[in-house]
Amino acid sequence: MDQTSQQLNLTVLEAQIRECYGRVSYTAKTHEKDADLCTTKLNIVKWAHIILAAITTSGLITAFLGDSKVSRLAMVASVICSTLQLIISTYTKDADPGQEAANHKITAAELWNVRESYLSLLTDINEKIIDLNQIKEHRDQLQAKLFEIYKTAPRTTAKAYKIARKGLKSNEEMTFSVKEIDQLLPEALRKSSN
């Protein structure tokens, strides 16, 4: 293969790997955001249970100890809160936000590893330290690894994707300035003099 066609093949291959890196970055961030959303939902459900149980218990105590007018209102409040608790319990029987959050966190961590491998591969391509066949082999290994992750990954939501997109594009959640990185490194490894 001549130099020109090899360079063209490398350019096309690098473009594909860059695209894969972008997709994995978005997917990993979306799973992180879905985990956050599920955790928030779980906290709301737990607090709702606690508050409704407290109102129900207080209502029953008041109904038992209070006069007939107050007792009747307390019983009505207890029945309403108890019914709401039943509805929430029925919902959480089939939907477990805690387990969903854990599954999204696991998937995000697995995707983080693949994303960093794509980044390392792009660095190796840029430094010209691996040849075309090695690049293809590494790409195929990463694709197989992604396939295994996606087979068991939970579905993400449009809401999480929207939040992830904003985080990556507007808030630059995965990028750092030289100064920010320098603040994390020991002085001997810093790039800037400040």
N, C-alpha and C. Protein backbone atom coordinates (compact mmCIF):
# COMPACT_ATOMS: atom_id res chain seq x y z
N MET A 1 0.85 -1.17 0.00
CA MET A 1 0.00 0.00 0.00
C MET A 1 0.90 1.24 0.00
N ASP A 2 0.62 2.16 -0.91
CA ASP A 2 1.47 3.35 -1.00
C ASP A 2 1.17 4.32 0.14
N GLN A 3 2.06 5.27 0.34
CA GLN A 3 2.01 6.23 1.45
C GLN A 3 0.71 7.05 1.44
N THR A 4 0.25 7.48 0.26
CA THR A 4 -0.94 8.31 0.16
C THR A 4 -2.19 7.55 0.57
N SER A 5 -2.36 6.33 0.06
CA SER A 5 -3.55 5.56 0.42
C SER A 5 -3.51 5.12 1.88
N GLN A 6 -2.32 4.87 2.42
CA GLN A 6 -2.21 4.52 3.84
C GLN A 6 -2.60 5.72 4.71
N GLN A 7 -2.17 6.92 4.31
CA GLN A 7 -2.53 8.12 5.05
C GLN A 7 -4.04 8.37 4.98
N LEU A 8 -4.63 8.13 3.81
CA LEU A 8 -6.07 8.29 3.65
C LEU A 8 -6.82 7.30 4.54
N ASN A 9 -6.36 6.04 4.56
CA ASN A 9 -6.97 5.03 5.43
C ASN A 9 -6.85 5.43 6.90
N LEU A 10 -5.71 5.96 7.29
CA LEU A 10 -5.50 6.40 8.66
C LEU A 10 -6.44 7.55 9.01
N THR A 11 -6.62 8.48 8.09
CA THR A 11 -7.52 9.62 8.31
C THR A 11 -8.95 9.15 8.51
N VAL A 12 -9.40 8.23 7.68
CA VAL A 12 -10.76 7.70 7.78
C VAL A 12 -10.92 6.92 9.09
N LEU A 13 -9.95 6.11 9.43
CA LEU A 13 -9.98 5.32 10.65
C LEU A 13 -9.99 6.22 11.89
N GLU A 14 -9.16 7.25 11.87
CA GLU A 14 -9.13 8.19 12.99
C GLU A 14 -10.47 8.91 13.15
N ALA A 15 -11.08 9.28 12.02
CA ALA A 15 -12.39 9.94 12.07
C ALA A 15 -13.43 9.02 12.71
N GLN A 16 -13.39 7.74 12.36
CA GLN A 16 -14.32 6.78 12.94
C GLN A 16 -14.09 6.66 14.45
N ILE A 17 -12.86 6.58 14.85
CA ILE A 17 -12.53 6.42 16.28
C ILE A 17 -12.92 7.67 17.06
N ARG A 18 -12.72 8.84 16.46
CA ARG A 18 -13.15 10.09 17.10
C ARG A 18 -14.67 10.10 17.29
N GLU A 19 -15.39 9.62 16.29
CA GLU A 19 -16.85 9.54 16.38
C GLU A 19 -17.26 8.58 17.50
N CYS A 20 -16.60 7.45 17.59
CA CYS A 20 -16.88 6.48 18.65
C CYS A 20 -16.60 7.09 20.02
N TYR A 21 -15.49 7.80 20.12
CA TYR A 21 -15.14 8.48 21.38
C TYR A 21 -16.26 9.44 21.78
N GLY A 22 -16.74 10.22 20.83
CA GLY A 22 -17.82 11.18 21.12
C GLY A 22 -19.09 10.49 21.58
N ARG A 23 -19.46 9.41 20.89
CA ARG A 23 -20.69 8.70 21.27
C ARG A 23 -20.57 8.08 22.66
N VAL A 24 -19.41 7.48 22.95
CA VAL A 24 -19.22 6.86 24.26
C VAL A 24 -19.21 7.94 25.35
N SER A 25 -18.62 9.08 25.05
CA SER A 25 -18.60 10.18 26.03
C SER A 25 -20.02 10.61 26.37
N TYR A 26 -20.84 10.79 25.36
CA TYR A 26 -22.23 11.19 25.58
C TYR A 26 -22.99 10.11 26.34
N THR A 27 -22.80 8.87 25.95
CA THR A 27 -23.55 7.78 26.60
C THR A 27 -23.14 7.64 28.06
N ALA A 28 -21.84 7.72 28.35
CA ALA A 28 -21.38 7.62 29.73
C ALA A 28 -21.95 8.75 30.58
N LYS A 29 -21.92 9.96 30.05
CA LYS A 29 -22.44 11.12 30.78
C LYS A 29 -23.95 10.99 30.97
N THR A 30 -24.65 10.45 29.97
CA THR A 30 -26.10 10.26 30.08
C THR A 30 -26.42 9.26 31.18
N HIS A 31 -25.65 8.18 31.27
CA HIS A 31 -25.86 7.21 32.35
C HIS A 31 -25.57 7.84 33.71
N GLU A 32 -24.55 8.70 33.80
CA GLU A 32 -24.28 9.40 35.06
C GLU A 32 -25.47 10.26 35.46
N LYS A 33 -26.03 10.98 34.49
CA LYS A 33 -27.16 11.86 34.78
C LYS A 33 -28.40 11.06 35.11
N ASP A 34 -28.61 9.91 34.44
CA ASP A 34 -29.76 9.06 34.77
C ASP A 34 -29.61 8.51 36.18
N ALA A 35 -28.39 8.17 36.59
CA ALA A 35 -28.16 7.70 37.96
C ALA A 35 -28.53 8.80 38.95
N ASP A 36 -28.15 10.03 38.64
CA ASP A 36 -28.52 11.16 39.52
C ASP A 36 -30.03 11.32 39.59
N LEU A 37 -30.71 11.23 38.45
CA LEU A 37 -32.17 11.36 38.43
C LEU A 37 -32.84 10.25 39.24
N CYS A 38 -32.35 9.04 39.10
CA CYS A 38 -32.92 7.91 39.86
C CYS A 38 -32.68 8.08 41.36
N THR A 39 -31.51 8.58 41.73
CA THR A 39 -31.20 8.81 43.14
C THR A 39 -32.13 9.88 43.71
N THR A 40 -32.38 10.93 42.94
CA THR A 40 -33.31 11.97 43.38
C THR A 40 -34.71 11.39 43.55
N LYS A 41 -35.14 10.58 42.59
CA LYS A 41 -36.46 9.94 42.67
C LYS A 41 -36.54 9.06 43.91
N LEU A 42 -35.48 8.29 44.19
CA LEU A 42 -35.45 7.42 45.36
C LEU A 42 -35.58 8.23 46.64
N ASN A 43 -34.85 9.34 46.72
CA ASN A 43 -34.93 10.19 47.91
C ASN A 43 -36.33 10.76 48.11
N ILE A 44 -36.96 11.16 47.02
CA ILE A 44 -38.34 11.68 47.10
C ILE A 44 -39.28 10.59 47.61
N VAL A 45 -39.14 9.37 47.08
CA VAL A 45 -40.00 8.26 47.50
C VAL A 45 -39.78 7.96 48.98
N LYS A 46 -38.53 7.93 49.41
CA LYS A 46 -38.24 7.63 50.83
C LYS A 46 -38.82 8.70 51.75
N TRP A 47 -38.60 9.97 51.40
CA TRP A 47 -39.15 11.05 52.22
C TRP A 47 -40.67 11.04 52.21
N ALA A 48 -41.26 10.74 51.07
CA ALA A 48 -42.72 10.66 51.00
C ALA A 48 -43.24 9.58 51.94
N HIS A 49 -42.56 8.43 51.96
CA HIS A 49 -42.95 7.36 52.88
C HIS A 49 -42.86 7.83 54.33
N ILE A 50 -41.77 8.47 54.67
CA ILE A 50 -41.57 8.92 56.06
C ILE A 50 -42.63 9.94 56.45
N ILE A 51 -42.85 10.93 55.60
CA ILE A 51 -43.84 11.98 55.90
C ILE A 51 -45.25 11.41 55.98
N LEU A 52 -45.60 10.57 55.02
CA LEU A 52 -46.95 9.98 55.05
C LEU A 52 -47.14 9.06 56.25
N ALA A 53 -46.11 8.31 56.62
CA ALA A 53 -46.20 7.44 57.80
C ALA A 53 -46.36 8.28 59.07
N ALA A 54 -45.63 9.39 59.14
CA ALA A 54 -45.74 10.27 60.31
C ALA A 54 -47.14 10.87 60.42
N ILE A 55 -47.68 11.32 59.30
CA ILE A 55 -49.03 11.90 59.32
C ILE A 55 -50.07 10.83 59.66
N THR A 56 -49.92 9.65 59.08
CA THR A 56 -50.85 8.56 59.36
C THR A 56 -50.82 8.20 60.84
N THR A 57 -49.62 8.04 61.38
CA THR A 57 -49.48 7.67 62.80
C THR A 57 -50.02 8.77 63.70
N SER A 58 -49.68 10.01 63.40
CA SER A 58 -50.19 11.13 64.20
C SER A 58 -51.70 11.20 64.15
N GLY A 59 -52.25 10.97 62.97
CA GLY A 59 -53.71 10.99 62.81
C GLY A 59 -54.38 9.90 63.62
N LEU A 60 -53.80 8.72 63.61
CA LEU A 60 -54.39 7.62 64.37
C LEU A 60 -54.31 7.87 65.87
N ILE A 61 -53.19 8.42 66.32
CA ILE A 61 -53.06 8.73 67.75
C ILE A 61 -54.08 9.81 68.14
N THR A 62 -54.17 10.83 67.29
CA THR A 62 -55.13 11.91 67.55
C THR A 62 -56.56 11.36 67.53
N ALA A 63 -56.86 10.50 66.60
CA ALA A 63 -58.21 9.91 66.52
C ALA A 63 -58.52 9.10 67.77
N PHE A 64 -57.53 8.41 68.27
CA PHE A 64 -57.72 7.57 69.45
C PHE A 64 -57.90 8.42 70.71
N LEU A 65 -57.12 9.52 70.81
CA LEU A 65 -57.13 10.32 72.04
C LEU A 65 -58.01 11.57 71.97
N GLY A 66 -58.37 12.04 70.77
CA GLY A 66 -59.08 13.32 70.63
C GLY A 66 -60.58 13.20 70.77
N ASP A 67 -61.22 14.40 70.70
CA ASP A 67 -62.68 14.40 70.75
C ASP A 67 -63.23 13.97 69.38
N SER A 68 -64.53 13.79 69.27
CA SER A 68 -65.11 13.18 68.08
C SER A 68 -64.90 14.00 66.81
N LYS A 69 -64.95 15.34 66.88
CA LYS A 69 -64.78 16.18 65.69
C LYS A 69 -63.32 16.10 65.19
N VAL A 70 -62.37 16.22 66.11
CA VAL A 70 -60.95 16.14 65.76
C VAL A 70 -60.60 14.71 65.33
N SER A 71 -61.18 13.74 66.01
CA SER A 71 -60.93 12.34 65.69
C SER A 71 -61.34 12.01 64.27
N ARG A 72 -62.49 12.54 63.86
CA ARG A 72 -62.98 12.28 62.51
C ARG A 72 -62.03 12.87 61.46
N LEU A 73 -61.58 14.11 61.67
CA LEU A 73 -60.62 14.74 60.74
C LEU A 73 -59.29 13.99 60.71
N ALA A 74 -58.84 13.57 61.89
CA ALA A 74 -57.59 12.82 61.97
C ALA A 74 -57.70 11.48 61.24
N MET A 75 -58.86 10.83 61.36
CA MET A 75 -59.06 9.55 60.66
C MET A 75 -59.07 9.76 59.15
N VAL A 76 -59.71 10.82 58.69
CA VAL A 76 -59.75 11.12 57.26
C VAL A 76 -58.33 11.36 56.73
N ALA A 77 -57.54 12.17 57.47
CA ALA A 77 -56.16 12.44 57.07
C ALA A 77 -55.34 11.14 57.05
N SER A 78 -55.56 10.29 58.04
CA SER A 78 -54.83 9.02 58.11
C SER A 78 -55.19 8.11 56.94
N VAL A 79 -56.46 8.06 56.60
CA VAL A 79 -56.90 7.22 55.48
C VAL A 79 -56.29 7.72 54.17
N ILE A 80 -56.31 9.03 53.97
CA ILE A 80 -55.74 9.61 52.74
C ILE A 80 -54.24 9.31 52.65
N CYS A 81 -53.53 9.56 53.75
CA CYS A 81 -52.07 9.33 53.75
C CYS A 81 -51.74 7.85 53.60
N SER A 82 -52.52 7.01 54.24
CA SER A 82 -52.30 5.57 54.13
C SER A 82 -52.52 5.11 52.69
N THR A 83 -53.53 5.65 52.04
CA THR A 83 -53.81 5.31 50.63
C THR A 83 -52.65 5.77 49.73
N LEU A 84 -52.16 6.97 49.99
CA LEU A 84 -51.01 7.47 49.21
C LEU A 84 -49.78 6.58 49.41
N GLN A 85 -49.58 6.14 50.65
CA GLN A 85 -48.46 5.21 50.91
C GLN A 85 -48.62 3.92 50.13
N LEU A 86 -49.83 3.41 50.07
CA LEU A 86 -50.10 2.19 49.32
C LEU A 86 -49.78 2.39 47.84
N ILE A 87 -50.18 3.53 47.29
CA ILE A 87 -49.89 3.83 45.89
C ILE A 87 -48.39 3.89 45.65
N ILE A 88 -47.66 4.56 46.52
CA ILE A 88 -46.20 4.66 46.37
C ILE A 88 -45.56 3.28 46.51
N SER A 89 -46.03 2.49 47.47
CA SER A 89 -45.48 1.13 47.65
C SER A 89 -45.74 0.27 46.43
N THR A 90 -46.91 0.40 45.84
CA THR A 90 -47.23 -0.35 44.63
C THR A 90 -46.31 0.05 43.48
N TYR A 91 -46.06 1.35 43.36
CA TYR A 91 -45.15 1.85 42.32
C TYR A 91 -43.73 1.31 42.53
N THR A 92 -43.24 1.37 43.77
CA THR A 92 -41.86 0.94 44.03
C THR A 92 -41.69 -0.57 44.03
N LYS A 93 -42.81 -1.30 44.04
CA LYS A 93 -42.71 -2.77 43.95
C LYS A 93 -42.09 -3.17 42.61
N ASP A 94 -42.51 -2.50 41.55
CA ASP A 94 -42.02 -2.82 40.21
C ASP A 94 -40.87 -1.91 39.76
N ALA A 95 -40.84 -0.70 40.24
CA ALA A 95 -39.79 0.25 39.87
C ALA A 95 -38.91 0.50 41.08
N ASP A 96 -37.65 0.14 40.98
CA ASP A 96 -36.72 0.33 42.08
C ASP A 96 -35.70 1.39 41.68
N PRO A 97 -35.96 2.65 42.03
CA PRO A 97 -35.04 3.72 41.64
C PRO A 97 -33.61 3.52 42.17
N GLY A 98 -33.49 2.90 43.32
CA GLY A 98 -32.15 2.64 43.88
C GLY A 98 -31.36 1.67 43.02
N GLN A 99 -32.01 0.60 42.59
CA GLN A 99 -31.35 -0.38 41.72
C GLN A 99 -31.08 0.21 40.35
N GLU A 100 -32.02 1.01 39.84
CA GLU A 100 -31.81 1.69 38.56
C GLU A 100 -30.59 2.60 38.63
N ALA A 101 -30.47 3.36 39.73
CA ALA A 101 -29.32 4.25 39.90
C ALA A 101 -28.02 3.44 39.93
N ALA A 102 -28.02 2.34 40.65
CA ALA A 102 -26.83 1.50 40.74
C ALA A 102 -26.45 0.94 39.36
N ASN A 103 -27.44 0.50 38.59
CA ASN A 103 -27.17 -0.03 37.25
C ASN A 103 -26.59 1.04 36.33
N HIS A 104 -27.14 2.26 36.41
CA HIS A 104 -26.60 3.35 35.60
C HIS A 104 -25.17 3.70 36.01
N LYS A 105 -24.89 3.66 37.31
CA LYS A 105 -23.53 3.96 37.79
C LYS A 105 -22.53 2.92 37.29
N ILE A 106 -22.92 1.66 37.33
CA ILE A 106 -22.04 0.58 36.85
C ILE A 106 -21.77 0.76 35.35
N THR A 107 -22.83 1.02 34.59
CA THR A 107 -22.67 1.21 33.15
C THR A 107 -21.79 2.41 32.86
N ALA A 108 -22.00 3.51 33.58
CA ALA A 108 -21.18 4.71 33.37
C ALA A 108 -19.71 4.42 33.66
N ALA A 109 -19.43 3.66 34.70
CA ALA A 109 -18.04 3.32 35.04
C ALA A 109 -17.41 2.44 33.96
N GLU A 110 -18.17 1.47 33.45
CA GLU A 110 -17.64 0.63 32.38
C GLU A 110 -17.39 1.44 31.11
N LEU A 111 -18.31 2.36 30.82
CA LEU A 111 -18.14 3.22 29.63
C LEU A 111 -16.99 4.21 29.81
N TRP A 112 -16.76 4.65 31.04
CA TRP A 112 -15.62 5.53 31.31
C TRP A 112 -14.33 4.84 30.87
N ASN A 113 -14.20 3.57 31.22
CA ASN A 113 -13.00 2.83 30.86
C ASN A 113 -12.82 2.74 29.35
N VAL A 114 -13.92 2.48 28.63
CA VAL A 114 -13.85 2.40 27.17
C VAL A 114 -13.53 3.78 26.59
N ARG A 115 -14.16 4.81 27.12
CA ARG A 115 -13.91 6.18 26.65
C ARG A 115 -12.43 6.54 26.80
N GLU A 116 -11.87 6.21 27.94
CA GLU A 116 -10.45 6.52 28.18
C GLU A 116 -9.55 5.69 27.25
N SER A 117 -9.99 4.47 26.92
CA SER A 117 -9.22 3.65 25.97
C SER A 117 -9.26 4.26 24.57
N TYR A 118 -10.42 4.79 24.17
CA TYR A 118 -10.50 5.49 22.89
C TYR A 118 -9.58 6.72 22.90
N LEU A 119 -9.56 7.44 24.00
CA LEU A 119 -8.71 8.61 24.10
C LEU A 119 -7.23 8.22 23.99
N SER A 120 -6.86 7.14 24.65
CA SER A 120 -5.48 6.65 24.55
C SER A 120 -5.15 6.22 23.13
N LEU A 121 -6.11 5.57 22.47
CA LEU A 121 -5.89 5.16 21.08
C LEU A 121 -5.70 6.38 20.17
N LEU A 122 -6.51 7.40 20.38
CA LEU A 122 -6.35 8.62 19.59
C LEU A 122 -4.99 9.28 19.86
N THR A 123 -4.55 9.22 21.09
CA THR A 123 -3.22 9.75 21.43
C THR A 123 -2.14 8.96 20.72
N ASP A 124 -2.26 7.64 20.73
CA ASP A 124 -1.28 6.79 20.04
C ASP A 124 -1.27 7.07 18.54
N ILE A 125 -2.44 7.28 17.96
CA ILE A 125 -2.52 7.60 16.53
C ILE A 125 -1.83 8.94 16.26
N ASN A 126 -2.11 9.91 17.12
CA ASN A 126 -1.52 11.23 16.96
C ASN A 126 0.00 11.19 17.09
N GLU A 127 0.49 10.36 17.98
CA GLU A 127 1.94 10.23 18.19
C GLU A 127 2.60 9.29 17.18
N LYS A 128 1.78 8.65 16.34
CA LYS A 128 2.25 7.72 15.29
C LYS A 128 3.11 6.58 15.87
N ILE A 129 2.64 6.03 17.00
CA ILE A 129 3.40 4.94 17.62
C ILE A 129 2.78 3.57 17.39
N ILE A 130 1.64 3.53 16.66
CA ILE A 130 1.05 2.24 16.28
C ILE A 130 0.69 2.28 14.81
N ASP A 131 0.73 1.11 14.19
CA ASP A 131 0.44 1.07 12.75
C ASP A 131 -1.05 0.82 12.51
N LEU A 132 -1.43 0.86 11.24
CA LEU A 132 -2.82 0.74 10.83
C LEU A 132 -3.48 -0.54 11.34
N ASN A 133 -2.78 -1.65 11.24
CA ASN A 133 -3.35 -2.93 11.69
C ASN A 133 -3.57 -2.95 13.20
N GLN A 134 -2.65 -2.36 13.96
CA GLN A 134 -2.81 -2.30 15.41
C GLN A 134 -4.00 -1.41 15.79
N ILE A 135 -4.15 -0.33 15.05
CA ILE A 135 -5.28 0.58 15.30
C ILE A 135 -6.60 -0.16 15.07
N LYS A 136 -6.68 -0.88 13.94
CA LYS A 136 -7.90 -1.63 13.63
C LYS A 136 -8.19 -2.69 14.69
N GLU A 137 -7.15 -3.38 15.12
CA GLU A 137 -7.32 -4.42 16.13
C GLU A 137 -7.83 -3.83 17.44
N HIS A 138 -7.22 -2.72 17.85
CA HIS A 138 -7.63 -2.06 19.09
C HIS A 138 -9.07 -1.54 18.97
N ARG A 139 -9.40 -0.95 17.83
CA ARG A 139 -10.77 -0.46 17.58
C ARG A 139 -11.77 -1.59 17.68
N ASP A 140 -11.46 -2.74 17.06
CA ASP A 140 -12.37 -3.88 17.08
C ASP A 140 -12.55 -4.43 18.50
N GLN A 141 -11.48 -4.43 19.29
CA GLN A 141 -11.57 -4.88 20.68
C GLN A 141 -12.48 -3.96 21.49
N LEU A 142 -12.33 -2.66 21.27
CA LEU A 142 -13.18 -1.70 21.97
C LEU A 142 -14.65 -1.84 21.55
N GLN A 143 -14.87 -2.08 20.26
CA GLN A 143 -16.23 -2.27 19.78
C GLN A 143 -16.86 -3.51 20.42
N ALA A 144 -16.10 -4.58 20.54
CA ALA A 144 -16.61 -5.80 21.18
C ALA A 144 -16.92 -5.56 22.66
N LYS A 145 -16.05 -4.81 23.31
CA LYS A 145 -16.27 -4.48 24.72
C LYS A 145 -17.53 -3.63 24.89
N LEU A 146 -17.72 -2.67 24.00
CA LEU A 146 -18.92 -1.83 24.04
C LEU A 146 -20.18 -2.67 23.84
N PHE A 147 -20.11 -3.61 22.92
CA PHE A 147 -21.26 -4.47 22.66
C PHE A 147 -21.67 -5.22 23.94
N GLU A 148 -20.69 -5.74 24.66
CA GLU A 148 -20.96 -6.46 25.90
C GLU A 148 -21.59 -5.53 26.95
N ILE A 149 -21.12 -4.30 27.04
CA ILE A 149 -21.66 -3.34 28.00
C ILE A 149 -23.10 -2.99 27.63
N TYR A 150 -23.33 -2.70 26.35
CA TYR A 150 -24.67 -2.27 25.90
C TYR A 150 -25.71 -3.38 26.02
N LYS A 151 -25.29 -4.64 25.97
CA LYS A 151 -26.24 -5.75 26.08
C LYS A 151 -27.00 -5.72 27.40
N THR A 152 -26.32 -5.30 28.47
CA THR A 152 -26.95 -5.33 29.79
C THR A 152 -27.21 -3.94 30.36
N ALA A 153 -26.88 -2.92 29.60
CA ALA A 153 -27.05 -1.54 30.10
C ALA A 153 -28.52 -1.17 30.20
N PRO A 154 -28.88 -0.43 31.26
CA PRO A 154 -30.26 0.04 31.34
C PRO A 154 -30.50 1.13 30.29
N ARG A 155 -31.75 1.29 29.91
CA ARG A 155 -32.10 2.34 28.93
C ARG A 155 -31.96 3.70 29.59
N THR A 156 -31.50 4.64 28.80
CA THR A 156 -31.40 6.00 29.30
C THR A 156 -32.65 6.78 28.91
N THR A 157 -32.82 7.92 29.55
CA THR A 157 -34.01 8.74 29.29
C THR A 157 -33.64 9.98 28.48
N ALA A 158 -34.63 10.52 27.82
CA ALA A 158 -34.42 11.76 27.06
C ALA A 158 -34.03 12.90 27.99
N LYS A 159 -34.61 12.91 29.18
CA LYS A 159 -34.28 13.96 30.15
C LYS A 159 -32.81 13.90 30.54
N ALA A 160 -32.29 12.70 30.80
CA ALA A 160 -30.88 12.55 31.17
C ALA A 160 -29.97 12.96 30.01
N TYR A 161 -30.38 12.60 28.79
CA TYR A 161 -29.58 12.97 27.61
C TYR A 161 -29.50 14.48 27.48
N LYS A 162 -30.63 15.14 27.69
CA LYS A 162 -30.67 16.60 27.59
C LYS A 162 -29.75 17.24 28.63
N ILE A 163 -29.79 16.71 29.85
CA ILE A 163 -28.93 17.24 30.92
C ILE A 163 -27.46 16.96 30.60
N ALA A 164 -27.18 15.76 30.09
CA ALA A 164 -25.80 15.39 29.73
C ALA A 164 -25.28 16.29 28.62
N ARG A 165 -26.12 16.52 27.64
CA ARG A 165 -25.72 17.38 26.51
C ARG A 165 -25.37 18.78 26.99
N LYS A 166 -26.21 19.31 27.86
CA LYS A 166 -25.93 20.64 28.41
C LYS A 166 -24.62 20.61 29.21
N GLY A 167 -24.43 19.56 29.99
CA GLY A 167 -23.21 19.44 30.79
C GLY A 167 -21.96 19.37 29.94
N LEU A 168 -22.02 18.62 28.85
CA LEU A 168 -20.85 18.46 27.99
C LEU A 168 -20.61 19.67 27.10
N LYS A 169 -21.68 20.23 26.56
CA LYS A 169 -21.52 21.34 25.61
C LYS A 169 -21.38 22.69 26.29
N SER A 170 -22.28 22.99 27.20
CA SER A 170 -22.31 24.33 27.80
C SER A 170 -21.44 24.43 29.05
N ASN A 171 -21.51 23.42 29.89
CA ASN A 171 -20.78 23.48 31.17
C ASN A 171 -19.39 22.87 31.09
N GLU A 172 -19.04 22.31 29.94
CA GLU A 172 -17.72 21.70 29.72
C GLU A 172 -17.33 20.77 30.87
N GLU A 173 -18.22 19.84 31.19
CA GLU A 173 -18.00 18.95 32.33
C GLU A 173 -16.85 17.97 32.15
N MET A 174 -16.41 17.76 30.92
CA MET A 174 -15.30 16.81 30.71
C MET A 174 -14.02 17.49 30.25
N THR A 175 -13.97 18.81 30.31
CA THR A 175 -12.79 19.50 29.84
C THR A 175 -12.22 20.38 30.95
N PHE A 176 -10.93 20.58 30.88
CA PHE A 176 -10.23 21.39 31.88
C PHE A 176 -9.28 22.34 31.19
N SER A 177 -9.13 23.51 31.75
CA SER A 177 -8.12 24.43 31.24
C SER A 177 -6.76 23.99 31.77
N VAL A 178 -5.71 24.50 31.18
CA VAL A 178 -4.35 24.18 31.65
C VAL A 178 -4.22 24.57 33.11
N LYS A 179 -4.76 25.72 33.47
CA LYS A 179 -4.68 26.20 34.85
C LYS A 179 -5.38 25.25 35.82
N GLU A 180 -6.58 24.76 35.43
CA GLU A 180 -7.31 23.83 36.30
C GLU A 180 -6.53 22.54 36.52
N ILE A 181 -5.92 22.02 35.47
CA ILE A 181 -5.14 20.79 35.60
C ILE A 181 -3.91 21.06 36.46
N ASP A 182 -3.26 22.20 36.23
CA ASP A 182 -2.07 22.54 37.02
C ASP A 182 -2.38 22.61 38.52
N GLN A 183 -3.56 23.09 38.87
CA GLN A 183 -3.91 23.17 40.28
C GLN A 183 -4.02 21.80 40.93
N LEU A 184 -4.27 20.78 40.12
CA LEU A 184 -4.40 19.42 40.64
C LEU A 184 -3.06 18.68 40.70
N LEU A 185 -2.08 19.18 39.95
CA LEU A 185 -0.79 18.49 39.85
C LEU A 185 0.23 19.06 40.82
N PRO A 186 1.22 18.24 41.19
CA PRO A 186 2.34 18.77 41.97
C PRO A 186 3.06 19.85 41.16
N GLU A 187 3.71 20.76 41.83
CA GLU A 187 4.34 21.91 41.17
C GLU A 187 5.31 21.49 40.06
N ALA A 188 6.05 20.41 40.27
CA ALA A 188 7.04 19.97 39.28
C ALA A 188 6.40 19.54 37.96
N LEU A 189 5.14 19.15 37.97
CA LEU A 189 4.48 18.68 36.77
C LEU A 189 3.59 19.73 36.10
N ARG A 190 3.55 20.92 36.63
CA ARG A 190 2.69 21.96 36.09
C ARG A 190 3.23 22.56 34.80
N LYS A 191 2.31 22.94 33.90
CA LYS A 191 2.68 23.52 32.61
C LYS A 191 2.83 25.04 32.67
N SER A 192 1.94 25.68 33.42
CA SER A 192 1.98 27.15 33.50
C SER A 192 2.84 27.59 34.67
N SER A 193 3.35 28.78 34.59
CA SER A 193 4.24 29.29 35.64
C SER A 193 3.47 29.85 36.82
N ASN A 194 2.17 30.14 36.63
CA ASN A 194 1.37 30.73 37.72
C ASN A 194 0.85 29.66 38.64
